[in-house]
Every structure is written in structure tokens, then in C-alpha cells.
Amino acid sequence: MIEFHLDTRSGVAPYQQVVQQVRHALRLGLLQVDEQLPTVKEVVKAIAINPNTVLKAYKELEHQGLVAARPGIGTFVIKTLSDDSLPAHGPLRQSLQRWLERARGAGLDEESIEALFRDVLRSSSVEGDA
């Protein structure tokens, strides 16, 4: 089951963080069709978030056609975002893990690592468009 977390420094609205985390889990194959999301009460207890915020996130995911609420039962995944590239994720994850260890060994903190990654990601997509 997915475990949510909030980054209060991100500038991203809490409900949007929940939506993004579900979408990432669907893309990475960590959530499957028919799998139940945590109940609103479970999410509220785990990350100290307003129940209406969780409901808003779940409604957004429902609007996107990714989950469906089953009254009295819970909210369930109805569509995945993973594709044929999923088998490649394992080796890439291991390679990325080694890179992260090197980055931390070089003294980079999490914020610096993220900034570096985003910069390289943006520049490689710009180069790919050229």
C-alpha cells in the first residue's frame, strides 16, 4: 500500500502532492488496478493532513479516471500509468541509487541533489528538442 508524505518546503499544495504521489506509484507499477488506496482516515493519521485535502486529492484522481470511489468500501485504482518500459526500471533504479550514493559522498544534500537532477533533466530535454 502507498505511504504518503508531505514536503512543506516544496511550494506544492498538499492535495497536489497526494495526487502526484499516486500518479508516480501508478507510473512505477507500485499500485495496480483494483488495489485500494488508504482510507481518508488512514492518510489523515499518517501525515497530519486535513480530511478535506485528502478528499480533494482523491476526487482529482477520480476526475482523471485513475481511481473510483466505492461507497462504504473505499477508493480503488481503476487505471495504471505504467507502460512497456516497466521492466527497465529495476536496473535504472540500481544505477540511480549508486549515483545518489556518489552524490551524497560528494557532500550534496537532498535539495542540492534534486536541483542538480532537475537541471540535467531540463537541459537534456531541451537538447532532445533541438
C-alpha atoms as a PDB file:
ATOM      1  CA  MET A   1       0.000   0.000   0.000  1.00  0.00           C
ATOM      2  CA  ILE A   2       1.200   3.507  -0.767  1.00  0.00           C
ATOM      3  CA  GLU A   3       2.541   5.638   2.081  1.00  0.00           C
ATOM      4  CA  PHE A   4       2.087   9.358   1.608  1.00  0.00           C
ATOM      5  CA  HIS A   5       4.430  12.088   2.800  1.00  0.00           C
ATOM      6  CA  LEU A   6       4.252  15.874   2.646  1.00  0.00           C
ATOM      7  CA  ASP A   7       7.044  18.258   1.793  1.00  0.00           C
ATOM      8  CA  THR A   8       6.103  21.563   3.398  1.00  0.00           C
ATOM      9  CA  ARG A   9       9.031  23.292   1.665  1.00  0.00           C
ATOM     10  CA  SER A  10       8.030  22.279  -1.869  1.00  0.00           C
ATOM     11  CA  GLY A  11       5.524  25.062  -2.502  1.00  0.00           C
ATOM     12  CA  VAL A  12       3.163  22.418  -3.931  1.00  0.00           C
ATOM     13  CA  ALA A  13      -0.317  22.274  -2.394  1.00  0.00           C
ATOM     14  CA  PRO A  14      -0.768  19.253  -0.097  1.00  0.00           C
ATOM     15  CA  TYR A  15      -3.649  17.816  -2.154  1.00  0.00           C
ATOM     16  CA  GLN A  16      -1.499  18.087  -5.282  1.00  0.00           C
ATOM     17  CA  GLN A  17       1.352  16.260  -3.529  1.00  0.00           C
ATOM     18  CA  VAL A  18      -1.029  13.377  -2.780  1.00  0.00           C
ATOM     19  CA  VAL A  19      -2.173  13.341  -6.422  1.00  0.00           C
ATOM     20  CA  GLN A  20       1.444  13.363  -7.647  1.00  0.00           C
ATOM     21  CA  GLN A  21       2.430  10.547  -5.310  1.00  0.00           C
ATOM     22  CA  VAL A  22      -0.434   8.347  -6.514  1.00  0.00           C
ATOM     23  CA  ARG A  23       0.407   9.138 -10.153  1.00  0.00           C
ATOM     24  CA  HIS A  24       4.086   8.272  -9.538  1.00  0.00           C
ATOM     25  CA  ALA A  25       3.124   4.997  -7.864  1.00  0.00           C
ATOM     26  CA  LEU A  26       0.863   4.168 -10.823  1.00  0.00           C
ATOM     27  CA  ARG A  27       3.615   5.015 -13.308  1.00  0.00           C
ATOM     28  CA  LEU A  28       6.190   2.899 -11.462  1.00  0.00           C
ATOM     29  CA  GLY A  29       3.853  -0.062 -11.111  1.00  0.00           C
ATOM     30  CA  LEU A  30       3.750   0.272  -7.319  1.00  0.00           C
ATOM     31  CA  LEU A  31      -0.053   0.491  -7.440  1.00  0.00           C
ATOM     32  CA  GLN A  32      -2.076  -1.901  -9.549  1.00  0.00           C
ATOM     33  CA  VAL A  33      -5.628  -1.930 -10.874  1.00  0.00           C
ATOM     34  CA  ASP A  34      -8.121  -2.977  -8.161  1.00  0.00           C
ATOM     35  CA  GLU A  35      -5.703  -2.024  -5.385  1.00  0.00           C
ATOM     36  CA  GLN A  36      -7.271   0.075  -2.636  1.00  0.00           C
ATOM     37  CA  LEU A  37      -5.843   3.446  -1.673  1.00  0.00           C
ATOM     38  CA  PRO A  38      -5.513   4.194   2.035  1.00  0.00           C
ATOM     39  CA  THR A  39      -8.713   5.483   3.582  1.00  0.00           C
ATOM     40  CA  VAL A  40      -9.001   9.202   4.251  1.00  0.00           C
ATOM     41  CA  LYS A  41      -8.780   8.440   7.966  1.00  0.00           C
ATOM     42  CA  GLU A  42      -5.540   6.459   7.467  1.00  0.00           C
ATOM     43  CA  VAL A  43      -3.952   9.272   5.438  1.00  0.00           C
ATOM     44  CA  VAL A  44      -5.012  11.908   7.979  1.00  0.00           C
ATOM     45  CA  LYS A  45      -3.480   9.868  10.789  1.00  0.00           C
ATOM     46  CA  ALA A  46      -0.257   9.116   8.879  1.00  0.00           C
ATOM     47  CA  ILE A  47       0.627  12.611   7.654  1.00  0.00           C
ATOM     48  CA  ALA A  48      -1.460  15.005   9.771  1.00  0.00           C
ATOM     49  CA  ILE A  49      -3.438  16.455   6.882  1.00  0.00           C
ATOM     50  CA  ASN A  50      -6.964  17.835   6.737  1.00  0.00           C
ATOM     51  CA  PRO A  51      -9.514  15.195   5.655  1.00  0.00           C
ATOM     52  CA  ASN A  52     -10.950  17.610   3.071  1.00  0.00           C
ATOM     53  CA  THR A  53      -7.495  17.857   1.483  1.00  0.00           C
ATOM     54  CA  VAL A  54      -7.333  14.085   1.055  1.00  0.00           C
ATOM     55  CA  LEU A  55     -10.876  14.049  -0.325  1.00  0.00           C
ATOM     56  CA  LYS A  56      -9.940  16.780  -2.798  1.00  0.00           C
ATOM     57  CA  ALA A  57      -6.925  14.755  -3.968  1.00  0.00           C
ATOM     58  CA  TYR A  58      -8.974  11.575  -4.342  1.00  0.00           C
ATOM     59  CA  LYS A  59     -11.673  13.486  -6.253  1.00  0.00           C
ATOM     60  CA  GLU A  60      -8.985  14.864  -8.594  1.00  0.00           C
ATOM     61  CA  LEU A  61      -7.654  11.346  -9.200  1.00  0.00           C
ATOM     62  CA  GLU A  62     -11.213  10.189  -9.838  1.00  0.00           C
ATOM     63  CA  HIS A  63     -11.727  13.052 -12.295  1.00  0.00           C
ATOM     64  CA  GLN A  64      -8.522  11.948 -14.077  1.00  0.00           C
ATOM     65  CA  GLY A  65     -10.035   8.472 -14.441  1.00  0.00           C
ATOM     66  CA  LEU A  66      -7.382   6.783 -12.322  1.00  0.00           C
ATOM     67  CA  VAL A  67      -9.406   5.769  -9.264  1.00  0.00           C
ATOM     68  CA  ALA A  68     -13.031   5.156  -8.371  1.00  0.00           C
ATOM     69  CA  ALA A  69     -14.748   5.549  -5.038  1.00  0.00           C
ATOM     70  CA  ARG A  70     -16.850   2.618  -3.902  1.00  0.00           C
ATOM     71  CA  PRO A  71     -19.199   3.998  -1.242  1.00  0.00           C
ATOM     72  CA  GLY A  72     -18.759   2.319   2.102  1.00  0.00           C
ATOM     73  CA  ILE A  73     -15.750   0.339   0.853  1.00  0.00           C
ATOM     74  CA  GLY A  74     -13.010   2.743  -0.226  1.00  0.00           C
ATOM     75  CA  THR A  75     -11.191   4.193  -3.220  1.00  0.00           C
ATOM     76  CA  PHE A  76      -9.709   1.785  -5.746  1.00  0.00           C
ATOM     77  CA  VAL A  77      -7.290   2.069  -8.658  1.00  0.00           C
ATOM     78  CA  ILE A  78      -9.063   1.588 -11.991  1.00  0.00           C
ATOM     79  CA  LYS A  79      -6.247   2.545 -14.367  1.00  0.00           C
ATOM     80  CA  THR A  80      -2.474   2.287 -14.300  1.00  0.00           C
ATOM     81  CA  LEU A  81       0.061   4.627 -15.863  1.00  0.00           C
ATOM     82  CA  SER A  82       2.867   2.086 -16.230  1.00  0.00           C
ATOM     83  CA  ASP A  83       3.928   1.107 -19.727  1.00  0.00           C
ATOM     84  CA  ASP A  84       6.203  -1.345 -21.522  1.00  0.00           C
ATOM     85  CA  SER A  85       9.278   0.339 -20.028  1.00  0.00           C
ATOM     86  CA  LEU A  86       8.482  -1.019 -16.553  1.00  0.00           C
ATOM     87  CA  PRO A  87      10.976  -3.950 -16.796  1.00  0.00           C
ATOM     88  CA  ALA A  88      13.795  -1.441 -17.391  1.00  0.00           C
ATOM     89  CA  HIS A  89      13.053   0.336 -14.124  1.00  0.00           C
ATOM     90  CA  GLY A  90      14.932  -2.157 -11.909  1.00  0.00           C
ATOM     91  CA  PRO A  91      18.381  -1.744 -13.474  1.00  0.00           C
ATOM     92  CA  LEU A  92      17.869   2.007 -13.882  1.00  0.00           C
ATOM     93  CA  ARG A  93      16.822   2.294 -10.232  1.00  0.00           C
ATOM     94  CA  GLN A  94      20.004   0.478  -9.157  1.00  0.00           C
ATOM     95  CA  SER A  95      22.138   2.752 -11.305  1.00  0.00           C
ATOM     96  CA  LEU A  96      20.395   5.823  -9.917  1.00  0.00           C
ATOM     97  CA  GLN A  97      20.861   4.518  -6.373  1.00  0.00           C
ATOM     98  CA  ARG A  98      24.617   4.228  -6.981  1.00  0.00           C
ATOM     99  CA  TRP A  99      24.644   7.776  -8.412  1.00  0.00           C
ATOM    100  CA  LEU A 100      22.806   9.065  -5.328  1.00  0.00           C
ATOM    101  CA  GLU A 101      25.362   7.410  -3.066  1.00  0.00           C
ATOM    102  CA  ARG A 102      28.175   9.120  -5.011  1.00  0.00           C
ATOM    103  CA  ALA A 103      26.366  12.473  -4.832  1.00  0.00           C
ATOM    104  CA  ARG A 104      25.910  12.148  -1.064  1.00  0.00           C
ATOM    105  CA  GLY A 105      29.541  11.044  -0.757  1.00  0.00           C
ATOM    106  CA  ALA A 106      30.496  14.246  -2.559  1.00  0.00           C
ATOM    107  CA  GLY A 107      28.694  16.220   0.139  1.00  0.00           C
ATOM    108  CA  LEU A 108      25.469  17.106  -1.677  1.00  0.00           C
ATOM    109  CA  ASP A 109      22.331  17.366   0.444  1.00  0.00           C
ATOM    110  CA  GLU A 110      18.880  16.305  -0.775  1.00  0.00           C
ATOM    111  CA  GLU A 111      17.968  19.776  -2.024  1.00  0.00           C
ATOM    112  CA  SER A 112      21.215  20.092  -3.997  1.00  0.00           C
ATOM    113  CA  ILE A 113      20.789  16.618  -5.484  1.00  0.00           C
ATOM    114  CA  GLU A 114      17.250  17.455  -6.572  1.00  0.00           C
ATOM    115  CA  ALA A 115      18.352  20.779  -8.076  1.00  0.00           C
ATOM    116  CA  LEU A 116      21.165  19.087  -9.992  1.00  0.00           C
ATOM    117  CA  PHE A 117      18.870  16.331 -11.241  1.00  0.00           C
ATOM    118  CA  ARG A 118      16.187  18.798 -12.377  1.00  0.00           C
ATOM    119  CA  ASP A 119      18.783  20.952 -14.129  1.00  0.00           C
ATOM    120  CA  VAL A 120      20.199  17.986 -16.037  1.00  0.00           C
ATOM    121  CA  LEU A 121      16.706  16.720 -16.835  1.00  0.00           C
ATOM    122  CA  ARG A 122      15.656  20.106 -18.215  1.00  0.00           C
ATOM    123  CA  SER A 123      18.840  20.594 -20.240  1.00  0.00           C
ATOM    124  CA  SER A 124      18.648  17.093 -21.708  1.00  0.00           C
ATOM    125  CA  SER A 125      15.016  17.618 -22.769  1.00  0.00           C
ATOM    126  CA  VAL A 126      15.972  20.958 -24.363  1.00  0.00           C
ATOM    127  CA  GLU A 127      18.844  19.279 -26.223  1.00  0.00           C
ATOM    128  CA  GLY A 128      16.500  16.482 -27.291  1.00  0.00           C
ATOM    129  CA  ASP A 129      14.094  19.065 -28.755  1.00  0.00           C
ATOM    130  CA  ALA A 130      16.813  20.819 -30.735  1.00  0.00           C
END
